[in-house]
Amino acid sequence: MPTVVHFEVPADDLRRVKSFYTDLFCGKIEGIPGLDYMRIDTSEEDLPSIGDGIMRRQGPSQHIINYIDVDSLEEYSSRVMSLGEKVLIPKRAVPGVGYFAICLDTENNPFGILEIDEGAK
């Protein structure tokens, strides 16, 4: 069954939210050079981390997005639409990671689907 493999927290003030989550969870949060994006390391010795990030908020209604790993982005995008729901952001590449799309569920909750492909460009 597909599983959550990544989440992103949108923020208006990246430093402020970094400080909050670092103080709250004592986690390690590091920026990615050249991007308004930070990686959150939530792993422990016996519990691996899913991919986590903090990004600059793209709009006032943007909320935390959970990304679910799928074998085929096209197949799951089609399934979302066949179930009467929307693909808000169609297939986009994350170089070296894979492809994602942002969808809406029946309650207007956004979620991401992610196809891992290290060759993505």
PDB file of N, CA and C in Angstrom:
ATOM      1  N   MET A   1       0.838  -1.178   0.000  1.00  0.00           N
ATOM      2  CA  MET A   1       0.000   0.000   0.000  1.00  0.00           C
ATOM      3  C   MET A   1       0.881   1.237   0.000  1.00  0.00           C
ATOM      4  N   PRO A   2       0.550   2.268  -0.808  1.00  0.00           N
ATOM      5  CA  PRO A   2       1.325   3.503  -0.791  1.00  0.00           C
ATOM      6  C   PRO A   2       1.394   4.092   0.618  1.00  0.00           C
ATOM      7  N   THR A   3       2.503   4.731   0.921  1.00  0.00           N
ATOM      8  CA  THR A   3       2.715   5.259   2.266  1.00  0.00           C
ATOM      9  C   THR A   3       3.252   6.687   2.214  1.00  0.00           C
ATOM     10  N   VAL A   4       3.044   7.441   3.287  1.00  0.00           N
ATOM     11  CA  VAL A   4       3.582   8.802   3.374  1.00  0.00           C
ATOM     12  C   VAL A   4       5.098   8.705   3.460  1.00  0.00           C
ATOM     13  N   VAL A   5       5.775   9.434   2.561  1.00  0.00           N
ATOM     14  CA  VAL A   5       7.236   9.402   2.528  1.00  0.00           C
ATOM     15  C   VAL A   5       7.865  10.777   2.723  1.00  0.00           C
ATOM     16  N   HIS A   6       7.041  11.822   2.727  1.00  0.00           N
ATOM     17  CA  HIS A   6       7.581  13.178   2.820  1.00  0.00           C
ATOM     18  C   HIS A   6       6.473  14.108   3.283  1.00  0.00           C
ATOM     19  N   PHE A   7       6.828  15.137   4.043  1.00  0.00           N
ATOM     20  CA  PHE A   7       5.876  16.204   4.327  1.00  0.00           C
ATOM     21  C   PHE A   7       6.593  17.536   4.238  1.00  0.00           C
ATOM     22  N   GLU A   8       5.825  18.572   3.925  1.00  0.00           N
ATOM     23  CA  GLU A   8       6.376  19.925   3.831  1.00  0.00           C
ATOM     24  C   GLU A   8       5.527  20.872   4.665  1.00  0.00           C
ATOM     25  N   VAL A   9       6.216  21.723   5.406  1.00  0.00           N
ATOM     26  CA  VAL A   9       5.582  22.737   6.226  1.00  0.00           C
ATOM     27  C   VAL A   9       5.801  24.087   5.551  1.00  0.00           C
ATOM     28  N   PRO A  10       4.727  24.774   5.102  1.00  0.00           N
ATOM     29  CA  PRO A  10       4.902  26.101   4.524  1.00  0.00           C
ATOM     30  C   PRO A  10       5.083  27.136   5.630  1.00  0.00           C
ATOM     31  N   ALA A  11       5.898  28.151   5.366  1.00  0.00           N
ATOM     32  CA  ALA A  11       6.171  29.164   6.388  1.00  0.00           C
ATOM     33  C   ALA A  11       6.344  30.538   5.759  1.00  0.00           C
ATOM     34  N   ASP A  12       5.884  31.547   6.469  1.00  0.00           N
ATOM     35  CA  ASP A  12       6.110  32.929   6.043  1.00  0.00           C
ATOM     36  C   ASP A  12       7.497  33.400   6.461  1.00  0.00           C
ATOM     37  N   ASP A  13       7.957  32.938   7.619  1.00  0.00           N
ATOM     38  CA  ASP A  13       9.256  33.332   8.159  1.00  0.00           C
ATOM     39  C   ASP A  13      10.048  32.064   8.441  1.00  0.00           C
ATOM     40  N   LEU A  14      10.973  31.731   7.555  1.00  0.00           N
ATOM     41  CA  LEU A  14      11.720  30.478   7.666  1.00  0.00           C
ATOM     42  C   LEU A  14      12.557  30.405   8.938  1.00  0.00           C
ATOM     43  N   ARG A  15      13.175  31.500   9.327  1.00  0.00           N
ATOM     44  CA  ARG A  15      13.981  31.494  10.555  1.00  0.00           C
ATOM     45  C   ARG A  15      13.118  31.248  11.788  1.00  0.00           C
ATOM     46  N   ARG A  16      11.971  31.904  11.818  1.00  0.00           N
ATOM     47  CA  ARG A  16      11.077  31.765  12.974  1.00  0.00           C
ATOM     48  C   ARG A  16      10.593  30.320  13.119  1.00  0.00           C
ATOM     49  N   VAL A  17      10.149  29.712  12.014  1.00  0.00           N
ATOM     50  CA  VAL A  17       9.638  28.342  12.104  1.00  0.00           C
ATOM     51  C   VAL A  17      10.772  27.354  12.374  1.00  0.00           C
ATOM     52  N   LYS A  18      11.968  27.628  11.846  1.00  0.00           N
ATOM     53  CA  LYS A  18      13.118  26.773  12.147  1.00  0.00           C
ATOM     54  C   LYS A  18      13.399  26.795  13.644  1.00  0.00           C
ATOM     55  N   SER A  19      13.390  27.971  14.233  1.00  0.00           N
ATOM     56  CA  SER A  19      13.630  28.105  15.665  1.00  0.00           C
ATOM     57  C   SER A  19      12.561  27.361  16.468  1.00  0.00           C
ATOM     58  N   PHE A  20      11.302  27.509  16.064  1.00  0.00           N
ATOM     59  CA  PHE A  20      10.207  26.845  16.765  1.00  0.00           C
ATOM     60  C   PHE A  20      10.377  25.334  16.763  1.00  0.00           C
ATOM     61  N   TYR A  21      10.559  24.732  15.590  1.00  0.00           N
ATOM     62  CA  TYR A  21      10.660  23.276  15.512  1.00  0.00           C
ATOM     63  C   TYR A  21      11.950  22.745  16.132  1.00  0.00           C
ATOM     64  N   THR A  22      13.022  23.505  16.052  1.00  0.00           N
ATOM     65  CA  THR A  22      14.266  23.089  16.701  1.00  0.00           C
ATOM     66  C   THR A  22      14.086  23.083  18.206  1.00  0.00           C
ATOM     67  N   ASP A  23      13.484  24.151  18.752  1.00  0.00           N
ATOM     68  CA  ASP A  23      13.254  24.224  20.195  1.00  0.00           C
ATOM     69  C   ASP A  23      12.248  23.176  20.660  1.00  0.00           C
ATOM     70  N   LEU A  24      11.215  22.928  19.860  1.00  0.00           N
ATOM     71  CA  LEU A  24      10.174  21.986  20.249  1.00  0.00           C
ATOM     72  C   LEU A  24      10.665  20.546  20.246  1.00  0.00           C
ATOM     73  N   PHE A  25      11.357  20.145  19.179  1.00  0.00           N
ATOM     74  CA  PHE A  25      11.736  18.741  19.015  1.00  0.00           C
ATOM     75  C   PHE A  25      13.229  18.479  19.109  1.00  0.00           C
ATOM     76  N   CYS A  26      14.046  19.517  19.283  1.00  0.00           N
ATOM     77  CA  CYS A  26      15.506  19.371  19.328  1.00  0.00           C
ATOM     78  C   CYS A  26      16.020  18.703  18.060  1.00  0.00           C
ATOM     79  N   GLY A  27      15.370  18.977  16.965  1.00  0.00           N
ATOM     80  CA  GLY A  27      15.757  18.379  15.698  1.00  0.00           C
ATOM     81  C   GLY A  27      16.841  19.163  14.998  1.00  0.00           C
ATOM     82  N   LYS A  28      17.308  18.608  13.926  1.00  0.00           N
ATOM     83  CA  LYS A  28      18.329  19.233  13.102  1.00  0.00           C
ATOM     84  C   LYS A  28      17.650  19.732  11.829  1.00  0.00           C
ATOM     85  N   ILE A  29      17.734  21.030  11.591  1.00  0.00           N
ATOM     86  CA  ILE A  29      17.122  21.638  10.418  1.00  0.00           C
ATOM     87  C   ILE A  29      18.201  22.420   9.686  1.00  0.00           C
ATOM     88  N   GLU A  30      18.404  22.086   8.412  1.00  0.00           N
ATOM     89  CA  GLU A  30      19.452  22.737   7.632  1.00  0.00           C
ATOM     90  C   GLU A  30      18.891  23.253   6.318  1.00  0.00           C
ATOM     91  N   GLY A  31      19.331  24.448   5.933  1.00  0.00           N
ATOM     92  CA  GLY A  31      18.924  25.029   4.668  1.00  0.00           C
ATOM     93  C   GLY A  31      19.586  24.332   3.497  1.00  0.00           C
ATOM     94  N   ILE A  32      18.944  24.447   2.348  1.00  0.00           N
ATOM     95  CA  ILE A  32      19.516  23.942   1.111  1.00  0.00           C
ATOM     96  C   ILE A  32      20.017  25.157   0.347  1.00  0.00           C
ATOM     97  N   PRO A  33      21.319  25.236   0.075  1.00  0.00           N
ATOM     98  CA  PRO A  33      21.889  26.415  -0.585  1.00  0.00           C
ATOM     99  C   PRO A  33      21.152  26.780  -1.876  1.00  0.00           C
ATOM    100  N   GLY A  34      20.825  28.051  -2.007  1.00  0.00           N
ATOM    101  CA  GLY A  34      20.177  28.556  -3.206  1.00  0.00           C
ATOM    102  C   GLY A  34      18.667  28.404  -3.236  1.00  0.00           C
ATOM    103  N   LEU A  35      18.083  27.808  -2.209  1.00  0.00           N
ATOM    104  CA  LEU A  35      16.631  27.605  -2.170  1.00  0.00           C
ATOM    105  C   LEU A  35      16.039  28.148  -0.874  1.00  0.00           C
ATOM    106  N   ASP A  36      14.796  28.581  -0.928  1.00  0.00           N
ATOM    107  CA  ASP A  36      14.039  28.914   0.278  1.00  0.00           C
ATOM    108  C   ASP A  36      13.417  27.624   0.790  1.00  0.00           C
ATOM    109  N   TYR A  37      14.271  26.689   1.185  1.00  0.00           N
ATOM    110  CA  TYR A  37      13.832  25.358   1.587  1.00  0.00           C
ATOM    111  C   TYR A  37      14.814  24.818   2.612  1.00  0.00           C
ATOM    112  N   MET A  38      14.290  24.172   3.636  1.00  0.00           N
ATOM    113  CA  MET A  38      15.127  23.565   4.660  1.00  0.00           C
ATOM    114  C   MET A  38      14.709  22.116   4.865  1.00  0.00           C
ATOM    115  N   ARG A  39      15.682  21.255   5.079  1.00  0.00           N
ATOM    116  CA  ARG A  39      15.428  19.839   5.379  1.00  0.00           C
ATOM    117  C   ARG A  39      15.359  19.668   6.888  1.00  0.00           C
ATOM    118  N   ILE A  40      14.374  18.901   7.339  1.00  0.00           N
ATOM    119  CA  ILE A  40      14.215  18.574   8.749  1.00  0.00           C
ATOM    120  C   ILE A  40      14.687  17.139   8.934  1.00  0.00           C
ATOM    121  N   ASP A  41      15.592  16.927   9.866  1.00  0.00           N
ATOM    122  CA  ASP A  41      16.049  15.574  10.168  1.00  0.00           C
ATOM    123  C   ASP A  41      15.361  15.121  11.438  1.00  0.00           C
ATOM    124  N   THR A  42      14.386  14.236  11.291  1.00  0.00           N
ATOM    125  CA  THR A  42      13.632  13.727  12.440  1.00  0.00           C
ATOM    126  C   THR A  42      14.023  12.298  12.779  1.00  0.00           C
ATOM    127  N   SER A  43      15.119  11.824  12.208  1.00  0.00           N
ATOM    128  CA  SER A  43      15.499  10.422  12.426  1.00  0.00           C
ATOM    129  C   SER A  43      16.114  10.219  13.808  1.00  0.00           C
ATOM    130  N   GLU A  44      16.011   8.991  14.254  1.00  0.00           N
ATOM    131  CA  GLU A  44      16.662   8.543  15.478  1.00  0.00           C
ATOM    132  C   GLU A  44      17.429   7.280  15.113  1.00  0.00           C
ATOM    133  N   GLU A  45      18.266   6.817  16.030  1.00  0.00           N
ATOM    134  CA  GLU A  45      19.087   5.640  15.735  1.00  0.00           C
ATOM    135  C   GLU A  45      18.260   4.446  15.273  1.00  0.00           C
ATOM    136  N   ASP A  46      17.157   4.165  15.944  1.00  0.00           N
ATOM    137  CA  ASP A  46      16.379   2.975  15.627  1.00  0.00           C
ATOM    138  C   ASP A  46      15.115   3.278  14.822  1.00  0.00           C
ATOM    139  N   LEU A  47      14.925   4.531  14.428  1.00  0.00           N
ATOM    140  CA  LEU A  47      13.726   4.912  13.698  1.00  0.00           C
ATOM    141  C   LEU A  47      14.100   5.853  12.556  1.00  0.00           C
ATOM    142  N   PRO A  48      14.112   5.356  11.329  1.00  0.00           N
ATOM    143  CA  PRO A  48      14.502   6.221  10.212  1.00  0.00           C
ATOM    144  C   PRO A  48      13.462   7.312   9.975  1.00  0.00           C
ATOM    145  N   SER A  49      13.909   8.388   9.398  1.00  0.00           N
ATOM    146  CA  SER A  49      13.051   9.533   9.107  1.00  0.00           C
ATOM    147  C   SER A  49      12.455   9.418   7.715  1.00  0.00           C
ATOM    148  N   ILE A  50      11.232   9.904   7.568  1.00  0.00           N
ATOM    149  CA  ILE A  50      10.722  10.127   6.229  1.00  0.00           C
ATOM    150  C   ILE A  50      11.316  11.465   5.790  1.00  0.00           C
ATOM    151  N   GLY A  51      11.184  11.833   4.544  1.00  0.00           N
ATOM    152  CA  GLY A  51      11.696  13.113   4.080  1.00  0.00           C
ATOM    153  C   GLY A  51      10.835  14.241   4.606  1.00  0.00           C
ATOM    154  N   ASP A  52      11.445  15.257   5.155  1.00  0.00           N
ATOM    155  CA  ASP A  52      10.720  16.363   5.750  1.00  0.00           C
ATOM    156  C   ASP A  52      11.326  17.678   5.295  1.00  0.00           C
ATOM    157  N   GLY A  53      10.482  18.695   5.132  1.00  0.00           N
ATOM    158  CA  GLY A  53      11.006  19.978   4.719  1.00  0.00           C
ATOM    159  C   GLY A  53      10.151  21.150   5.160  1.00  0.00           C
ATOM    160  N   ILE A  54      10.777  22.311   5.139  1.00  0.00           N
ATOM    161  CA  ILE A  54      10.104  23.582   5.382  1.00  0.00           C
ATOM    162  C   ILE A  54      10.354  24.433   4.152  1.00  0.00           C
ATOM    163  N   MET A  55       9.283  25.001   3.621  1.00  0.00           N
ATOM    164  CA  MET A  55       9.409  25.811   2.413  1.00  0.00           C
ATOM    165  C   MET A  55       8.741  27.160   2.604  1.00  0.00           C
ATOM    166  N   ARG A  56       9.140  28.137   1.795  1.00  0.00           N
ATOM    167  CA  ARG A  56       8.487  29.440   1.820  1.00  0.00           C
ATOM    168  C   ARG A  56       7.053  29.259   1.338  1.00  0.00           C
ATOM    169  N   ARG A  57       6.100  29.825   2.103  1.00  0.00           N
ATOM    170  CA  ARG A  57       4.678  29.720   1.779  1.00  0.00           C
ATOM    171  C   ARG A  57       4.419  30.360   0.407  1.00  0.00           C
ATOM    172  N   GLN A  58       3.691  29.643  -0.437  1.00  0.00           N
ATOM    173  CA  GLN A  58       3.384  30.092  -1.786  1.00  0.00           C
ATOM    174  C   GLN A  58       2.082  30.883  -1.876  1.00  0.00           C
ATOM    175  N   GLY A  59       1.227  30.779  -0.864  1.00  0.00           N
ATOM    176  CA  GLY A  59      -0.046  31.491  -0.856  1.00  0.00           C
ATOM    177  C   GLY A  59      -0.655  31.423   0.523  1.00  0.00           C
ATOM    178  N   PRO A  60      -1.595  32.321   0.833  1.00  0.00           N
ATOM    179  CA  PRO A  60      -2.141  32.404   2.192  1.00  0.00           C
ATOM    180  C   PRO A  60      -2.894  31.157   2.654  1.00  0.00           C
ATOM    181  N   SER A  61      -3.406  30.365   1.737  1.00  0.00           N
ATOM    182  CA  SER A  61      -4.174  29.193   2.144  1.00  0.00           C
ATOM    183  C   SER A  61      -3.357  27.904   2.073  1.00  0.00           C
ATOM    184  N   GLN A  62      -2.060  28.008   1.878  1.00  0.00           N
ATOM    185  CA  GLN A  62      -1.217  26.813   1.784  1.00  0.00           C
ATOM    186  C   GLN A  62      -1.024  26.184   3.156  1.00  0.00           C
ATOM    187  N   HIS A  63      -1.205  24.875   3.234  1.00  0.00           N
ATOM    188  CA  HIS A  63      -1.088  24.138   4.487  1.00  0.00           C
ATOM    189  C   HIS A  63      -0.048  23.034   4.345  1.00  0.00           C
ATOM    190  N   ILE A  64       0.213  22.345   5.444  1.00  0.00           N
ATOM    191  CA  ILE A  64       1.140  21.215   5.423  1.00  0.00           C
ATOM    192  C   ILE A  64       0.659  20.195   4.391  1.00  0.00           C
ATOM    193  N   ILE A  65       1.595  19.694   3.609  1.00  0.00           N
ATOM    194  CA  ILE A  65       1.289  18.700   2.580  1.00  0.00           C
ATOM    195  C   ILE A  65       2.015  17.398   2.912  1.00  0.00           C
ATOM    196  N   ASN A  66       1.279  16.310   2.907  1.00  0.00           N
ATOM    197  CA  ASN A  66       1.872  14.983   3.022  1.00  0.00           C
ATOM    198  C   ASN A  66       1.986  14.389   1.625  1.00  0.00           C
ATOM    199  N   TYR A  67       3.144  13.810   1.327  1.00  0.00           N
ATOM    200  CA  TYR A  67       3.388  13.190   0.025  1.00  0.00           C
ATOM    201  C   TYR A  67       3.363  11.676   0.182  1.00  0.00           C
ATOM    202  N   ILE A  68       2.611  11.021  -0.686  1.00  0.00           N
ATOM    203  CA  ILE A  68       2.447   9.583  -0.655  1.00  0.00           C
ATOM    204  C   ILE A  68       3.178   8.974  -1.849  1.00  0.00           C
ATOM    205  N   ASP A  69       4.030   8.008  -1.560  1.00  0.00           N
ATOM    206  CA  ASP A  69       4.818   7.331  -2.588  1.00  0.00           C
ATOM    207  C   ASP A  69       3.913   6.437  -3.435  1.00  0.00           C
ATOM    208  N   VAL A  70       4.007   6.594  -4.766  1.00  0.00           N
ATOM    209  CA  VAL A  70       3.226   5.765  -5.690  1.00  0.00           C
ATOM    210  C   VAL A  70       4.163   5.221  -6.779  1.00  0.00           C
ATOM    211  N   ASP A  71       3.756   4.117  -7.387  1.00  0.00           N
ATOM    212  CA  ASP A  71       4.559   3.525  -8.463  1.00  0.00           C
ATOM    213  C   ASP A  71       4.466   4.323  -9.755  1.00  0.00           C
ATOM    214  N   SER A  72       3.289   4.913 -10.012  1.00  0.00           N
ATOM    215  CA  SER A  72       3.063   5.635 -11.258  1.00  0.00           C
ATOM    216  C   SER A  72       2.265   6.910 -10.990  1.00  0.00           C
ATOM    217  N   LEU A  73       2.906   8.038 -11.176  1.00  0.00           N
ATOM    218  CA  LEU A  73       2.241   9.321 -10.977  1.00  0.00           C
ATOM    219  C   LEU A  73       1.060   9.477 -11.932  1.00  0.00           C
ATOM    220  N   GLU A  74       1.244   9.072 -13.179  1.00  0.00           N
ATOM    221  CA  GLU A  74       0.169   9.195 -14.161  1.00  0.00           C
ATOM    222  C   GLU A  74      -1.041   8.354 -13.751  1.00  0.00           C
ATOM    223  N   GLU A  75      -0.786   7.123 -13.317  1.00  0.00           N
ATOM    224  CA  GLU A  75      -1.882   6.239 -12.912  1.00  0.00           C
ATOM    225  C   GLU A  75      -2.670   6.835 -11.748  1.00  0.00           C
ATOM    226  N   TYR A  76      -1.970   7.310 -10.727  1.00  0.00           N
ATOM    227  CA  TYR A  76      -2.670   7.835  -9.552  1.00  0.00           C
ATOM    228  C   TYR A  76      -3.324   9.186  -9.831  1.00  0.00           C
ATOM    229  N   SER A  77      -2.718  10.007 -10.674  1.00  0.00           N
ATOM    230  CA  SER A  77      -3.377  11.268 -11.076  1.00  0.00           C
ATOM    231  C   SER A  77      -4.688  10.953 -11.786  1.00  0.00           C
ATOM    232  N   SER A  78      -4.661   9.974 -12.667  1.00  0.00           N
ATOM    233  CA  SER A  78      -5.878   9.560 -13.375  1.00  0.00           C
ATOM    234  C   SER A  78      -6.917   9.009 -12.409  1.00  0.00           C
ATOM    235  N   ARG A  79      -6.477   8.240 -11.429  1.00  0.00           N
ATOM    236  CA  ARG A  79      -7.407   7.684 -10.447  1.00  0.00           C
ATOM    237  C   ARG A  79      -8.071   8.786  -9.630  1.00  0.00           C
ATOM    238  N   VAL A  80      -7.290   9.804  -9.246  1.00  0.00           N
ATOM    239  CA  VAL A  80      -7.860  10.943  -8.505  1.00  0.00           C
ATOM    240  C   VAL A  80      -8.986  11.566  -9.322  1.00  0.00           C
ATOM    241  N   MET A  81      -8.716  11.831 -10.602  1.00  0.00           N
ATOM    242  CA  MET A  81      -9.722  12.466 -11.463  1.00  0.00           C
ATOM    243  C   MET A  81     -10.911  11.546 -11.714  1.00  0.00           C
ATOM    244  N   SER A  82     -10.667  10.237 -11.859  1.00  0.00           N
ATOM    245  CA  SER A  82     -11.781   9.309 -12.100  1.00  0.00           C
ATOM    246  C   SER A  82     -12.688   9.194 -10.876  1.00  0.00           C
ATOM    247  N   LEU A  83     -12.159   9.521  -9.718  1.00  0.00           N
ATOM    248  CA  LEU A  83     -12.958   9.520  -8.489  1.00  0.00           C
ATOM    249  C   LEU A  83     -13.655  10.868  -8.274  1.00  0.00           C
ATOM    250  N   GLY A  84     -13.545  11.754  -9.266  1.00  0.00           N
ATOM    251  CA  GLY A  84     -14.246  13.032  -9.222  1.00  0.00           C
ATOM    252  C   GLY A  84     -13.515  14.150  -8.509  1.00  0.00           C
ATOM    253  N   GLU A  85     -12.247  13.948  -8.215  1.00  0.00           N
ATOM    254  CA  GLU A  85     -11.483  14.978  -7.509  1.00  0.00           C
ATOM    255  C   GLU A  85     -10.465  15.625  -8.446  1.00  0.00           C
ATOM    256  N   LYS A  86      -9.656  16.552  -7.909  1.00  0.00           N
ATOM    257  CA  LYS A  86      -8.811  17.404  -8.744  1.00  0.00           C
ATOM    258  C   LYS A  86      -7.324  17.149  -8.534  1.00  0.00           C
ATOM    259  N   VAL A  87      -6.590  17.339  -9.618  1.00  0.00           N
ATOM    260  CA  VAL A  87      -5.139  17.435  -9.567  1.00  0.00           C
ATOM    261  C   VAL A  87      -4.851  18.930  -9.693  1.00  0.00           C
ATOM    262  N   LEU A  88      -4.438  19.547  -8.586  1.00  0.00           N
ATOM    263  CA  LEU A  88      -4.204  20.999  -8.566  1.00  0.00           C
ATOM    264  C   LEU A  88      -2.927  21.391  -9.292  1.00  0.00           C
ATOM    265  N   ILE A  89      -1.880  20.638  -9.030  1.00  0.00           N
ATOM    266  CA  ILE A  89      -0.582  20.896  -9.663  1.00  0.00           C
ATOM    267  C   ILE A  89      -0.186  19.601 -10.367  1.00  0.00           C
ATOM    268  N   PRO A  90      -0.202  19.593 -11.704  1.00  0.00           N
ATOM    269  CA  PRO A  90       0.152  18.365 -12.415  1.00  0.00           C
ATOM    270  C   PRO A  90       1.647  18.052 -12.284  1.00  0.00           C
ATOM    271  N   LYS A  91       2.023  16.941 -12.817  1.00  0.00           N
ATOM    272  CA  LYS A  91       3.375  16.390 -12.730  1.00  0.00           C
ATOM    273  C   LYS A  91       4.466  17.452 -12.871  1.00  0.00           C
ATOM    274  N   ARG A  92       5.336  17.470 -11.862  1.00  0.00           N
ATOM    275  CA  ARG A  92       6.511  18.341 -11.871  1.00  0.00           C
ATOM    276  C   ARG A  92       7.704  17.528 -11.398  1.00  0.00           C
ATOM    277  N   ALA A  93       8.859  17.870 -11.920  1.00  0.00           N
ATOM    278  CA  ALA A  93      10.084  17.150 -11.559  1.00  0.00           C
ATOM    279  C   ALA A  93      10.784  17.814 -10.379  1.00  0.00           C
ATOM    280  N   VAL A  94      11.366  16.984  -9.546  1.00  0.00           N
ATOM    281  CA  VAL A  94      12.324  17.414  -8.532  1.00  0.00           C
ATOM    282  C   VAL A  94      13.615  16.700  -8.921  1.00  0.00           C
ATOM    283  N   PRO A  95      14.538  17.432  -9.561  1.00  0.00           N
ATOM    284  CA  PRO A  95      15.744  16.791 -10.087  1.00  0.00           C
ATOM    285  C   PRO A  95      16.458  15.913  -9.054  1.00  0.00           C
ATOM    286  N   GLY A  96      16.774  14.697  -9.492  1.00  0.00           N
ATOM    287  CA  GLY A  96      17.477  13.755  -8.639  1.00  0.00           C
ATOM    288  C   GLY A  96      16.606  13.044  -7.613  1.00  0.00           C
ATOM    289  N   VAL A  97      15.308  13.413  -7.539  1.00  0.00           N
ATOM    290  CA  VAL A  97      14.398  12.802  -6.557  1.00  0.00           C
ATOM    291  C   VAL A  97      13.282  12.042  -7.251  1.00  0.00           C
ATOM    292  N   GLY A  98      12.523  12.743  -8.090  1.00  0.00           N
ATOM    293  CA  GLY A  98      11.399  12.112  -8.759  1.00  0.00           C
ATOM    294  C   GLY A  98      10.399  13.132  -9.259  1.00  0.00           C
ATOM    295  N   TYR A  99       9.147  12.718  -9.344  1.00  0.00           N
ATOM    296  CA  TYR A  99       8.074  13.564  -9.868  1.00  0.00           C
ATOM    297  C   TYR A  99       6.942  13.620  -8.848  1.00  0.00           C
ATOM    298  N   PHE A 100       6.298  14.785  -8.754  1.00  0.00           N
ATOM    299  CA  PHE A 100       5.185  14.913  -7.831  1.00  0.00           C
ATOM    300  C   PHE A 100       4.025  15.632  -8.492  1.00  0.00           C
ATOM    301  N   ALA A 101       2.859  15.479  -7.884  1.00  0.00           N
ATOM    302  CA  ALA A 101       1.657  16.222  -8.235  1.00  0.00           C
ATOM    303  C   ALA A 101       0.928  16.514  -6.927  1.00  0.00           C
ATOM    304  N   ILE A 102       0.185  17.608  -6.901  1.00  0.00           N
ATOM    305  CA  ILE A 102      -0.625  17.961  -5.732  1.00  0.00           C
ATOM    306  C   ILE A 102      -2.091  17.778  -6.104  1.00  0.00           C
ATOM    307  N   CYS A 103      -2.813  17.071  -5.260  1.00  0.00           N
ATOM    308  CA  CYS A 103      -4.216  16.738  -5.511  1.00  0.00           C
ATOM    309  C   CYS A 103      -5.085  17.212  -4.351  1.00  0.00           C
ATOM    310  N   LEU A 104      -6.410  17.144  -4.558  1.00  0.00           N
ATOM    311  CA  LEU A 104      -7.378  17.418  -3.497  1.00  0.00           C
ATOM    312  C   LEU A 104      -8.194  16.166  -3.242  1.00  0.00           C
ATOM    313  N   ASP A 105      -8.517  15.930  -1.962  1.00  0.00           N
ATOM    314  CA  ASP A 105      -9.417  14.826  -1.642  1.00  0.00           C
ATOM    315  C   ASP A 105     -10.859  15.342  -1.614  1.00  0.00           C
ATOM    316  N   THR A 106     -11.786  14.505  -1.194  1.00  0.00           N
ATOM    317  CA  THR A 106     -13.206  14.860  -1.184  1.00  0.00           C
ATOM    318  C   THR A 106     -13.541  15.975  -0.209  1.00  0.00           C
ATOM    319  N   GLU A 107     -12.645  16.241   0.757  1.00  0.00           N
ATOM    320  CA  GLU A 107     -12.881  17.275   1.772  1.00  0.00           C
ATOM    321  C   GLU A 107     -12.047  18.527   1.511  1.00  0.00           C
ATOM    322  N   ASN A 108     -11.517  18.641   0.300  1.00  0.00           N
ATOM    323  CA  ASN A 108     -10.664  19.763  -0.108  1.00  0.00           C
ATOM    324  C   ASN A 108      -9.343  19.836   0.654  1.00  0.00           C
ATOM    325  N   ASN A 109      -8.868  18.695   1.110  1.00  0.00           N
ATOM    326  CA  ASN A 109      -7.551  18.618   1.732  1.00  0.00           C
ATOM    327  C   ASN A 109      -6.519  18.323   0.657  1.00  0.00           C
ATOM    328  N   PRO A 110      -5.496  19.150   0.560  1.00  0.00           N
ATOM    329  CA  PRO A 110      -4.460  18.860  -0.426  1.00  0.00           C
ATOM    330  C   PRO A 110      -3.543  17.737   0.057  1.00  0.00           C
ATOM    331  N   PHE A 111      -3.055  16.950  -0.885  1.00  0.00           N
ATOM    332  CA  PHE A 111      -2.054  15.928  -0.604  1.00  0.00           C
ATOM    333  C   PHE A 111      -1.196  15.772  -1.855  1.00  0.00           C
ATOM    334  N   GLY A 112       0.000  15.284  -1.659  1.00  0.00           N
ATOM    335  CA  GLY A 112       0.893  15.073  -2.784  1.00  0.00           C
ATOM    336  C   GLY A 112       1.049  13.599  -3.086  1.00  0.00           C
ATOM    337  N   ILE A 113       1.300  13.312  -4.349  1.00  0.00           N
ATOM    338  CA  ILE A 113       1.712  11.971  -4.747  1.00  0.00           C
ATOM    339  C   ILE A 113       3.110  12.112  -5.335  1.00  0.00           C
ATOM    340  N   LEU A 114       3.945  11.152  -5.051  1.00  0.00           N
ATOM    341  CA  LEU A 114       5.356  11.237  -5.405  1.00  0.00           C
ATOM    342  C   LEU A 114       5.814   9.925  -6.011  1.00  0.00           C
ATOM    343  N   GLU A 115       6.377  10.022  -7.210  1.00  0.00           N
ATOM    344  CA  GLU A 115       6.989   8.873  -7.870  1.00  0.00           C
ATOM    345  C   GLU A 115       8.500   9.050  -7.802  1.00  0.00           C
ATOM    346  N   ILE A 116       9.158   8.179  -7.080  1.00  0.00           N
ATOM    347  CA  ILE A 116      10.608   8.271  -6.929  1.00  0.00           C
ATOM    348  C   ILE A 116      11.280   7.885  -8.244  1.00  0.00           C
ATOM    349  N   ASP A 117      12.171   8.760  -8.709  1.00  0.00           N
ATOM    350  CA  ASP A 117      12.944   8.510  -9.929  1.00  0.00           C
ATOM    351  C   ASP A 117      14.168   9.409  -9.860  1.00  0.00           C
ATOM    352  N   GLU A 118      15.298   8.847  -9.449  1.00  0.00           N
ATOM    353  CA  GLU A 118      16.522   9.635  -9.292  1.00  0.00           C
ATOM    354  C   GLU A 118      16.990  10.256 -10.587  1.00  0.00           C
ATOM    355  N   GLY A 119      16.494   9.792 -11.722  1.00  0.00           N
ATOM    356  CA  GLY A 119      16.844  10.369 -13.015  1.00  0.00           C
ATOM    357  C   GLY A 119      15.972  11.558 -13.413  1.00  0.00           C
ATOM    358  N   ALA A 120      15.062  11.955 -12.539  1.00  0.00           N
ATOM    359  CA  ALA A 120      14.151  13.075 -12.864  1.00  0.00           C
ATOM    360  C   ALA A 120      14.943  14.353 -13.117  1.00  0.00           C
ATOM    361  N   LYS A 121      14.486  15.084 -14.137  1.00  0.00           N
ATOM    362  CA  LYS A 121      15.125  16.367 -14.499  1.00  0.00           C
ATOM    363  C   LYS A 121      14.090  17.420 -14.714  1.00  0.00           C
TER     364      LYS A 121
END
